[in-house]
C-alpha atoms as a PDB file:
ATOM      1  CA  MET A   1       2.122  24.445   1.337  1.00  0.00           C
ATOM      2  CA  GLY A   2       5.190  22.185   1.083  1.00  0.00           C
ATOM      3  CA  ILE A   3       8.130  22.049  -1.261  1.00  0.00           C
ATOM      4  CA  LEU A   4       6.740  19.259  -3.411  1.00  0.00           C
ATOM      5  CA  ASP A   5       3.267  20.786  -3.450  1.00  0.00           C
ATOM      6  CA  ASN A   6       4.830  23.966  -4.840  1.00  0.00           C
ATOM      7  CA  VAL A   7       6.688  22.094  -7.535  1.00  0.00           C
ATOM      8  CA  GLU A   8       3.682  20.023  -8.597  1.00  0.00           C
ATOM      9  CA  ARG A   9       1.506  23.121  -8.747  1.00  0.00           C
ATOM     10  CA  GLY A  10       4.012  24.958 -10.927  1.00  0.00           C
ATOM     11  CA  LEU A  11       5.125  27.355  -8.171  1.00  0.00           C
ATOM     12  CA  GLU A  12       8.748  26.521  -8.853  1.00  0.00           C
ATOM     13  CA  LYS A  13      10.372  29.628  -7.457  1.00  0.00           C
ATOM     14  CA  ALA A  14      10.367  28.274  -3.887  1.00  0.00           C
ATOM     15  CA  VAL A  15      12.730  25.432  -4.724  1.00  0.00           C
ATOM     16  CA  ARG A  16      14.547  26.409  -7.893  1.00  0.00           C
ATOM     17  CA  GLY A  17      17.172  28.384  -5.971  1.00  0.00           C
ATOM     18  CA  VAL A  18      18.714  25.038  -5.121  1.00  0.00           C
ATOM     19  CA  PHE A  19      17.371  22.703  -7.805  1.00  0.00           C
ATOM     20  CA  SER A  20      17.726  25.052 -10.776  1.00  0.00           C
ATOM     21  CA  ARG A  21      14.996  24.972 -13.405  1.00  0.00           C
ATOM     22  CA  GLY A  22      15.658  23.469 -16.778  1.00  0.00           C
ATOM     23  CA  SER A  23      18.955  21.813 -15.925  1.00  0.00           C
ATOM     24  CA  LYS A  24      18.965  18.161 -16.938  1.00  0.00           C
ATOM     25  CA  SER A  25      22.141  17.634 -14.923  1.00  0.00           C
ATOM     26  CA  GLN A  26      20.388  18.261 -11.604  1.00  0.00           C
ATOM     27  CA  VAL A  27      17.909  16.091  -9.737  1.00  0.00           C
ATOM     28  CA  GLN A  28      14.539  17.743  -9.113  1.00  0.00           C
ATOM     29  CA  PRO A  29      12.491  17.066  -5.945  1.00  0.00           C
ATOM     30  CA  VAL A  30       9.453  16.057  -7.982  1.00  0.00           C
ATOM     31  CA  GLU A  31      11.585  13.416  -9.757  1.00  0.00           C
ATOM     32  CA  ILE A  32      12.509  11.880  -6.410  1.00  0.00           C
ATOM     33  CA  ALA A  33       8.856  11.907  -5.334  1.00  0.00           C
ATOM     34  CA  SER A  34       7.754  10.127  -8.527  1.00  0.00           C
ATOM     35  CA  ALA A  35      10.525   7.561  -8.193  1.00  0.00           C
ATOM     36  CA  LEU A  36       9.579   6.935  -4.567  1.00  0.00           C
ATOM     37  CA  ARG A  37       5.984   6.160  -5.554  1.00  0.00           C
ATOM     38  CA  ARG A  38       7.165   3.838  -8.330  1.00  0.00           C
ATOM     39  CA  GLU A  39       9.492   2.079  -5.881  1.00  0.00           C
ATOM     40  CA  MET A  40       6.566   1.428  -3.538  1.00  0.00           C
ATOM     41  CA  ASP A  41       4.495   0.028  -6.403  1.00  0.00           C
ATOM     42  CA  ASP A  42       7.325  -2.121  -7.777  1.00  0.00           C
ATOM     43  CA  LYS A  43       8.303  -3.570  -4.390  1.00  0.00           C
ATOM     44  CA  SER A  44       4.773  -4.090  -3.004  1.00  0.00           C
ATOM     45  CA  MET A  45       3.782  -7.661  -2.130  1.00  0.00           C
ATOM     46  CA  THR A  46       0.261  -9.047  -1.856  1.00  0.00           C
ATOM     47  CA  LEU A  47      -0.278 -10.928   1.402  1.00  0.00           C
ATOM     48  CA  ALA A  48      -3.146 -13.020   2.705  1.00  0.00           C
ATOM     49  CA  ALA A  49      -6.593 -11.500   3.218  1.00  0.00           C
ATOM     50  CA  GLY A  50      -6.075  -8.910   0.487  1.00  0.00           C
ATOM     51  CA  ARG A  51      -3.315  -7.047   2.323  1.00  0.00           C
ATOM     52  CA  THR A  52      -0.536  -5.507   0.229  1.00  0.00           C
ATOM     53  CA  LEU A  53       2.756  -4.802   1.965  1.00  0.00           C
ATOM     54  CA  ALA A  54       4.874  -1.907   0.697  1.00  0.00           C
ATOM     55  CA  PRO A  55       8.352  -0.720   1.751  1.00  0.00           C
ATOM     56  CA  ASN A  56       8.515   2.041   4.352  1.00  0.00           C
ATOM     57  CA  VAL A  57      12.249   2.858   4.516  1.00  0.00           C
ATOM     58  CA  PHE A  58      13.916   4.665   1.614  1.00  0.00           C
ATOM     59  CA  ASP A  59      17.563   5.583   1.024  1.00  0.00           C
ATOM     60  CA  THR A  60      18.009   8.070  -1.831  1.00  0.00           C
ATOM     61  CA  ARG A  61      21.477   7.751  -3.397  1.00  0.00           C
ATOM     62  CA  LEU A  62      22.657  11.015  -4.964  1.00  0.00           C
ATOM     63  CA  SER A  63      25.743  12.298  -6.768  1.00  0.00           C
ATOM     64  CA  GLU A  64      28.084  14.568  -4.844  1.00  0.00           C
ATOM     65  CA  ALA A  65      26.604  17.761  -6.340  1.00  0.00           C
ATOM     66  CA  ASP A  66      22.974  16.688  -5.893  1.00  0.00           C
ATOM     67  CA  PHE A  67      23.660  15.468  -2.378  1.00  0.00           C
ATOM     68  CA  GLU A  68      24.966  18.906  -1.379  1.00  0.00           C
ATOM     69  CA  ARG A  69      21.818  20.545  -2.757  1.00  0.00           C
ATOM     70  CA  ALA A  70      19.584  18.049  -0.950  1.00  0.00           C
ATOM     71  CA  ARG A  71      21.484  18.618   2.291  1.00  0.00           C
ATOM     72  CA  SER A  72      20.823  22.344   2.068  1.00  0.00           C
ATOM     73  CA  TRP A  73      17.085  21.582   2.278  1.00  0.00           C
ATOM     74  CA  GLY A  74      17.625  19.308   5.275  1.00  0.00           C
ATOM     75  CA  VAL A  75      14.615  17.891   7.098  1.00  0.00           C
ATOM     76  CA  ALA A  76      12.135  19.972   5.078  1.00  0.00           C
ATOM     77  CA  LEU A  77      12.723  17.891   1.943  1.00  0.00           C
ATOM     78  CA  ALA A  78      12.796  14.609   3.871  1.00  0.00           C
ATOM     79  CA  GLU A  79       9.462  15.459   5.543  1.00  0.00           C
ATOM     80  CA  GLU A  80       7.883  16.226   2.181  1.00  0.00           C
ATOM     81  CA  LEU A  81       9.018  12.889   0.766  1.00  0.00           C
ATOM     82  CA  CYS A  82       7.726  11.065   3.840  1.00  0.00           C
ATOM     83  CA  ASP A  83       4.344  12.723   3.274  1.00  0.00           C
ATOM     84  CA  VAL A  84       4.411  11.611  -0.375  1.00  0.00           C
ATOM     85  CA  ALA A  85       4.962   7.992   0.703  1.00  0.00           C
ATOM     86  CA  ILE A  86       2.231   8.128   3.343  1.00  0.00           C
ATOM     87  CA  ARG A  87      -0.331   9.616   0.961  1.00  0.00           C
ATOM     88  CA  HIS A  88       0.540   7.061  -1.731  1.00  0.00           C
ATOM     89  CA  ALA A  89       0.208   4.184   0.740  1.00  0.00           C
ATOM     90  CA  ARG A  90      -3.237   5.443   1.745  1.00  0.00           C
ATOM     91  CA  SER A  91      -4.416   5.943  -1.837  1.00  0.00           C
ATOM     92  CA  GLN A  92      -3.294   2.442  -2.854  1.00  0.00           C
ATOM     93  CA  GLY A  93      -4.384   0.717   0.348  1.00  0.00           C
ATOM     94  CA  TYR A  94      -0.847  -0.435   1.144  1.00  0.00           C
ATOM     95  CA  THR A  95       0.112  -1.786   4.559  1.00  0.00           C
ATOM     96  CA  LEU A  96       3.247  -0.332   6.160  1.00  0.00           C
ATOM     97  CA  GLN A  97       5.002  -2.270   8.916  1.00  0.00           C
ATOM     98  CA  GLY A  98       6.664   0.747  10.508  1.00  0.00           C
ATOM     99  CA  PRO A  99       7.122   4.524  10.282  1.00  0.00           C
ATOM    100  CA  VAL A 100       8.089   5.959   6.916  1.00  0.00           C
ATOM    101  CA  ARG A 101      11.745   6.984   6.869  1.00  0.00           C
ATOM    102  CA  VAL A 102      13.658   8.844   4.160  1.00  0.00           C
ATOM    103  CA  SER A 103      17.414   9.379   4.155  1.00  0.00           C
ATOM    104  CA  PHE A 104      19.946  10.701   1.642  1.00  0.00           C
ATOM    105  CA  THR A 105      23.322   9.155   0.878  1.00  0.00           C
ATOM    106  CA  GLN A 106      26.153  10.442  -1.278  1.00  0.00           C
ATOM    107  CA  ASP A 107      27.259   8.003  -3.972  1.00  0.00           C
ATOM    108  CA  LEU A 108      30.472   9.043  -5.711  1.00  0.00           C
ATOM    109  CA  GLU A 109      29.805   6.623  -8.583  1.00  0.00           C
ATOM    110  CA  LEU A 110      26.663   8.497  -9.643  1.00  0.00           C
ATOM    111  CA  LYS A 111      26.807  11.382 -12.114  1.00  0.00           C
ATOM    112  CA  ALA A 112      24.945  14.641 -11.491  1.00  0.00           C
ATOM    113  CA  GLY A 113      21.301  14.279 -12.415  1.00  0.00           C
ATOM    114  CA  ASN A 114      21.229  10.528 -11.701  1.00  0.00           C
ATOM    115  CA  PHE A 115      19.931   8.974  -8.504  1.00  0.00           C
ATOM    116  CA  GLU A 116      18.768   5.665  -7.068  1.00  0.00           C
ATOM    117  CA  ILE A 117      16.253   4.775  -4.373  1.00  0.00           C
ATOM    118  CA  ILE A 118      16.962   1.709  -2.250  1.00  0.00           C
ATOM    119  CA  SER A 119      13.935   0.583  -0.244  1.00  0.00           C
ATOM    120  CA  ASN A 120      13.189  -2.032   2.354  1.00  0.00           C
ATOM    121  CA  THR A 121      10.515  -3.026   4.828  1.00  0.00           C
ATOM    122  CA  GLN A 122      11.315  -2.363   8.471  1.00  0.00           C
ATOM    123  CA  LYS A 123       9.041  -3.262  11.348  1.00  0.00           C
ATOM    124  CA  SER A 124       8.269  -0.816  14.114  1.00  0.00           C
ATOM    125  CA  ASP A 125      10.253  -1.696  17.243  1.00  0.00           C
ATOM    126  CA  GLY A 126       7.676  -3.682  19.140  1.00  0.00           C
ATOM    127  CA  GLN A 127       4.843  -1.271  18.334  1.00  0.00           C
ATOM    128  CA  PRO A 128       1.423  -2.340  17.063  1.00  0.00           C
ATOM    129  CA  GLN A 129       1.217  -2.300  13.280  1.00  0.00           C
ATOM    130  CA  GLN A 130      -0.812   0.605  11.910  1.00  0.00           C
ATOM    131  CA  GLN A 131      -2.457   0.831   8.501  1.00  0.00           C
ATOM    132  CA  ALA A 132      -1.193   4.390   8.011  1.00  0.00           C
ATOM    133  CA  GLN A 133       2.174   4.879   9.666  1.00  0.00           C
ATOM    134  CA  ARG A 134       3.561   8.382  10.188  1.00  0.00           C
ATOM    135  CA  ALA A 135       6.581  10.211   8.980  1.00  0.00           C
ATOM    136  CA  GLN A 136       9.972   9.730  10.575  1.00  0.00           C
ATOM    137  CA  PRO A 137      12.238  11.935   8.424  1.00  0.00           C
ATOM    138  CA  SER A 138      15.987  11.932   8.875  1.00  0.00           C
ATOM    139  CA  TYR A 139      18.567  14.568   8.132  1.00  0.00           C
ATOM    140  CA  PRO A 140      20.122  13.928   4.707  1.00  0.00           C
ATOM    141  CA  GLY A 141      23.043  11.572   5.001  1.00  0.00           C
ATOM    142  CA  GLN A 142      22.146  10.585   8.557  1.00  0.00           C
ATOM    143  CA  ARG A 143      20.451   7.356   9.541  1.00  0.00           C
ATOM    144  CA  PRO A 144      17.413   7.754  11.819  1.00  0.00           C
ATOM    145  CA  SER A 145      17.246   5.828  15.049  1.00  0.00           C
ATOM    146  CA  GLN A 146      14.280   3.856  16.315  1.00  0.00           C
ATOM    147  CA  ALA A 147      12.226   5.352  19.120  1.00  0.00           C
ATOM    148  CA  PRO A 148      12.766   3.525  22.420  1.00  0.00           C
ATOM    149  CA  ARG A 149      10.174   0.895  23.164  1.00  0.00           C
ATOM    150  CA  PRO A 150       7.675   2.199  25.739  1.00  0.00           C
ATOM    151  CA  PRO A 151       7.187   0.249  28.962  1.00  0.00           C
ATOM    152  CA  ALA A 152       4.724  -2.611  28.763  1.00  0.00           C
ATOM    153  CA  ARG A 153       2.932  -1.925  32.031  1.00  0.00           C
ATOM    154  CA  PRO A 154      -0.426  -0.096  31.868  1.00  0.00           C
ATOM    155  CA  ALA A 155      -0.589   3.366  33.429  1.00  0.00           C
ATOM    156  CA  VAL A 156      -4.143   2.667  34.599  1.00  0.00           C
ATOM    157  CA  PRO A 157      -5.358  -0.598  36.195  1.00  0.00           C
ATOM    158  CA  ALA A 158      -6.983  -2.858  33.588  1.00  0.00           C
ATOM    159  CA  GLN A 159     -10.468  -2.825  35.139  1.00  0.00           C
ATOM    160  CA  ALA A 160     -10.478   0.965  35.473  1.00  0.00           C
ATOM    161  CA  ALA A 161      -9.131   1.384  31.930  1.00  0.00           C
ATOM    162  CA  GLU A 162     -12.320  -0.060  30.455  1.00  0.00           C
ATOM    163  CA  ASN A 163     -14.277   2.934  31.750  1.00  0.00           C
ATOM    164  CA  LEU A 164     -11.810   5.677  30.801  1.00  0.00           C
ATOM    165  CA  GLN A 165     -11.564   7.815  27.677  1.00  0.00           C
ATOM    166  CA  ALA A 166      -8.327   9.534  26.612  1.00  0.00           C
ATOM    167  CA  VAL A 167      -8.821  13.192  25.667  1.00  0.00           C
ATOM    168  CA  LEU A 168      -6.647  16.156  24.741  1.00  0.00           C
ATOM    169  CA  ASP A 169      -7.509  19.749  25.701  1.00  0.00           C
ATOM    170  CA  ILE A 170      -6.041  22.338  23.293  1.00  0.00           C
ATOM    171  CA  ASP A 171      -6.878  26.056  23.486  1.00  0.00           C
ATOM    172  CA  GLY A 172     -10.291  25.454  25.007  1.00  0.00           C
ATOM    173  CA  GLN A 173     -11.174  22.612  22.639  1.00  0.00           C
ATOM    174  CA  ARG A 174     -11.425  18.977  23.708  1.00  0.00           C
ATOM    175  CA  TYR A 175     -10.473  16.139  21.371  1.00  0.00           C
ATOM    176  CA  SER A 176     -11.422  12.537  22.120  1.00  0.00           C
ATOM    177  CA  LEU A 177      -8.566  10.188  21.231  1.00  0.00           C
ATOM    178  CA  ASN A 178     -10.599   7.283  19.902  1.00  0.00           C
ATOM    179  CA  ALA A 179      -8.004   5.717  17.584  1.00  0.00           C
ATOM    180  CA  SER A 180      -4.908   3.733  18.512  1.00  0.00           C
ATOM    181  CA  SER A 181      -2.714   6.328  16.786  1.00  0.00           C
ATOM    182  CA  ILE A 182      -3.340  10.083  16.704  1.00  0.00           C
ATOM    183  CA  VAL A 183      -0.899  12.425  14.951  1.00  0.00           C
ATOM    184  CA  LEU A 184      -0.644  16.143  15.660  1.00  0.00           C
ATOM    185  CA  GLY A 185       1.001  18.551  13.253  1.00  0.00           C
ATOM    186  CA  ARG A 186       0.775  21.467  10.884  1.00  0.00           C
ATOM    187  CA  SER A 187      -0.024  19.292   7.854  1.00  0.00           C
ATOM    188  CA  SER A 188      -3.596  18.808   6.681  1.00  0.00           C
ATOM    189  CA  GLU A 189      -2.767  15.095   6.763  1.00  0.00           C
ATOM    190  CA  ALA A 190      -2.469  15.193  10.575  1.00  0.00           C
ATOM    191  CA  ASP A 191      -5.349  13.823  12.646  1.00  0.00           C
ATOM    192  CA  ILE A 192      -5.319  16.985  14.777  1.00  0.00           C
ATOM    193  CA  LEU A 193      -4.238  20.096  12.906  1.00  0.00           C
ATOM    194  CA  VAL A 194      -2.109  22.491  14.970  1.00  0.00           C
ATOM    195  CA  ASP A 195      -1.842  25.922  13.334  1.00  0.00           C
ATOM    196  CA  ASP A 196       1.542  26.895  14.750  1.00  0.00           C
ATOM    197  CA  THR A 197       4.610  27.772  12.668  1.00  0.00           C
ATOM    198  CA  GLY A 198       6.808  26.217  15.378  1.00  0.00           C
ATOM    199  CA  VAL A 199       5.142  22.848  14.801  1.00  0.00           C
ATOM    200  CA  SER A 200       6.352  20.393  12.150  1.00  0.00           C
ATOM    201  CA  ARG A 201       4.010  18.972   9.523  1.00  0.00           C
ATOM    202  CA  GLN A 202       3.944  15.616  11.326  1.00  0.00           C
ATOM    203  CA  HIS A 203       5.133  16.552  14.811  1.00  0.00           C
ATOM    204  CA  LEU A 204       3.833  14.272  17.569  1.00  0.00           C
ATOM    205  CA  GLU A 205       2.031  10.945  17.730  1.00  0.00           C
ATOM    206  CA  ILE A 206      -0.070   9.818  20.687  1.00  0.00           C
ATOM    207  CA  ARG A 207      -0.495   6.053  20.882  1.00  0.00           C
ATOM    208  CA  ILE A 208      -3.447   4.775  22.863  1.00  0.00           C
ATOM    209  CA  GLU A 209      -3.720   1.293  24.359  1.00  0.00           C
ATOM    210  CA  PRO A 210      -6.032   0.060  27.118  1.00  0.00           C
ATOM    211  CA  GLY A 211      -4.974   1.988  30.223  1.00  0.00           C
ATOM    212  CA  ARG A 212      -1.834   3.436  28.647  1.00  0.00           C
ATOM    213  CA  ALA A 213      -0.956   6.383  26.421  1.00  0.00           C
ATOM    214  CA  THR A 214       2.449   7.211  24.941  1.00  0.00           C
ATOM    215  CA  ALA A 215       3.738  10.395  23.292  1.00  0.00           C
ATOM    216  CA  VAL A 216       6.143   9.779  20.390  1.00  0.00           C
ATOM    217  CA  ASP A 217       8.080  12.613  18.746  1.00  0.00           C
ATOM    218  CA  LEU A 218       8.060  12.179  14.953  1.00  0.00           C
ATOM    219  CA  GLY A 219      11.454  13.692  14.227  1.00  0.00           C
ATOM    220  CA  SER A 220      10.131  17.224  14.741  1.00  0.00           C
ATOM    221  CA  THR A 221      12.402  20.220  14.195  1.00  0.00           C
ATOM    222  CA  ASN A 222      11.714  21.947  17.530  1.00  0.00           C
ATOM    223  CA  GLY A 223      11.023  18.899  19.672  1.00  0.00           C
ATOM    224  CA  SER A 224       8.134  17.808  21.890  1.00  0.00           C
ATOM    225  CA  PHE A 225       7.920  18.215  25.663  1.00  0.00           C
ATOM    226  CA  VAL A 226       5.895  16.486  28.376  1.00  0.00           C
ATOM    227  CA  ASN A 227       5.799  18.238  31.761  1.00  0.00           C
ATOM    228  CA  GLY A 228       8.880  20.193  30.681  1.00  0.00           C
ATOM    229  CA  SER A 229      10.928  17.121  29.703  1.00  0.00           C
ATOM    230  CA  ARG A 230      11.903  16.660  26.074  1.00  0.00           C
ATOM    231  CA  VAL A 231      10.523  13.564  24.392  1.00  0.00           C
ATOM    232  CA  ASN A 232      13.560  11.618  23.227  1.00  0.00           C
ATOM    233  CA  GLY A 233      11.794   8.872  21.330  1.00  0.00           C
ATOM    234  CA  SER A 234       8.743   8.300  23.525  1.00  0.00           C
ATOM    235  CA  LEU A 235       7.308   9.124  26.946  1.00  0.00           C
ATOM    236  CA  GLU A 236       4.356   7.672  28.793  1.00  0.00           C
ATOM    237  CA  LEU A 237       1.500  10.082  29.462  1.00  0.00           C
ATOM    238  CA  SER A 238      -0.207  10.243  32.838  1.00  0.00           C
ATOM    239  CA  ASP A 239      -3.511  11.941  33.628  1.00  0.00           C
ATOM    240  CA  GLY A 240      -3.015  15.723  33.598  1.00  0.00           C
ATOM    241  CA  ALA A 241       0.254  15.611  31.644  1.00  0.00           C
ATOM    242  CA  MET A 242       1.166  18.944  30.027  1.00  0.00           C
ATOM    243  CA  ILE A 243       2.349  18.598  26.424  1.00  0.00           C
ATOM    244  CA  SER A 244       4.169  21.361  24.534  1.00  0.00           C
ATOM    245  CA  ILE A 245       4.866  21.486  20.792  1.00  0.00           C
ATOM    246  CA  GLY A 246       6.030  24.768  19.272  1.00  0.00           C
ATOM    247  CA  ARG A 247       4.153  27.512  21.126  1.00  0.00           C
ATOM    248  CA  THR A 248       1.111  25.304  21.656  1.00  0.00           C
ATOM    249  CA  ARG A 249       0.287  23.880  25.087  1.00  0.00           C
ATOM    250  CA  MET A 250      -2.186  21.068  25.703  1.00  0.00           C
ATOM    251  CA  THR A 251      -3.336  18.791  28.513  1.00  0.00           C
ATOM    252  CA  PHE A 252      -3.768  15.022  28.319  1.00  0.00           C
ATOM    253  CA  ARG A 253      -6.550  13.556  30.442  1.00  0.00           C
ATOM    254  CA  TRP A 254      -8.105  10.208  31.273  1.00  0.00           C
ATOM    255  CA  LEU A 255     -11.820  10.887  31.818  1.00  0.00           C
ATOM    256  CA  PRO A 256     -14.567   8.513  33.027  1.00  0.00           C
ATOM    257  CA  VAL A 257     -16.947   7.322  30.346  1.00  0.00           C
ATOM    258  CA  LYS A 258     -20.489   8.186  31.366  1.00  0.00           C
ATOM    259  CA  GLY A 259     -22.318   5.001  32.286  1.00  0.00           C
ATOM    260  CA  GLY A 260     -19.173   2.961  31.590  1.00  0.00           C
ATOM    261  CA  ARG A 261     -18.419   0.967  28.437  1.00  0.00           C
ATOM    262  CA  GLY A 262     -20.656  -1.727  27.065  1.00  0.00           C
END
């Protein structure tokens, strides 16, 4: 259960050590979450074919005192706010053009208890647009960087790719990766739930294209590794690649489709 879930369910003790209860001069996490949802609604734009575009990058401007409290929560608070934005986009049917990003900035002109959210729409760096983009939290006060663009060449010849299925073997279970974007993490919002305290709520994304698969670290706390190498942004996955997140090990495979496709 996350910080904002605790607040919204009345279990305030988990966060009130920093954001003290009952003080009108301090910003509460649930206030930021509500403002973030309103910002998405206010700045959404209806496009052709019934598509509604909403912002996906948010800069929360805080007073000096509130900024210090937010910084003490670090990535945990940013991840929670990213999850809020993702869930709201799904519930409203919004289109996001890139990963959700939340950052915190100190604004000396703001008084304690006051804050502003500045939003904008930022495209993913050359990646296919997804209806439900995943969290890319940043440390408070620090701007996140875009993941490097993966190589364009297919890892599997085009003709062979038509008859291959991407799968992931985890602890004796096999998962077919049938979507273009699969997210692994500890959150119930993840496509593949990984019950591991060393794994972030939204930890790793696997992007599938014909003949090519790419692992993308989603700003995880403990990092992601492929064949022992840390994923700094993204890494291409080959057949038999060993992926490690937290204490969990898994194997990526390209397997023949019985009877071929079509």
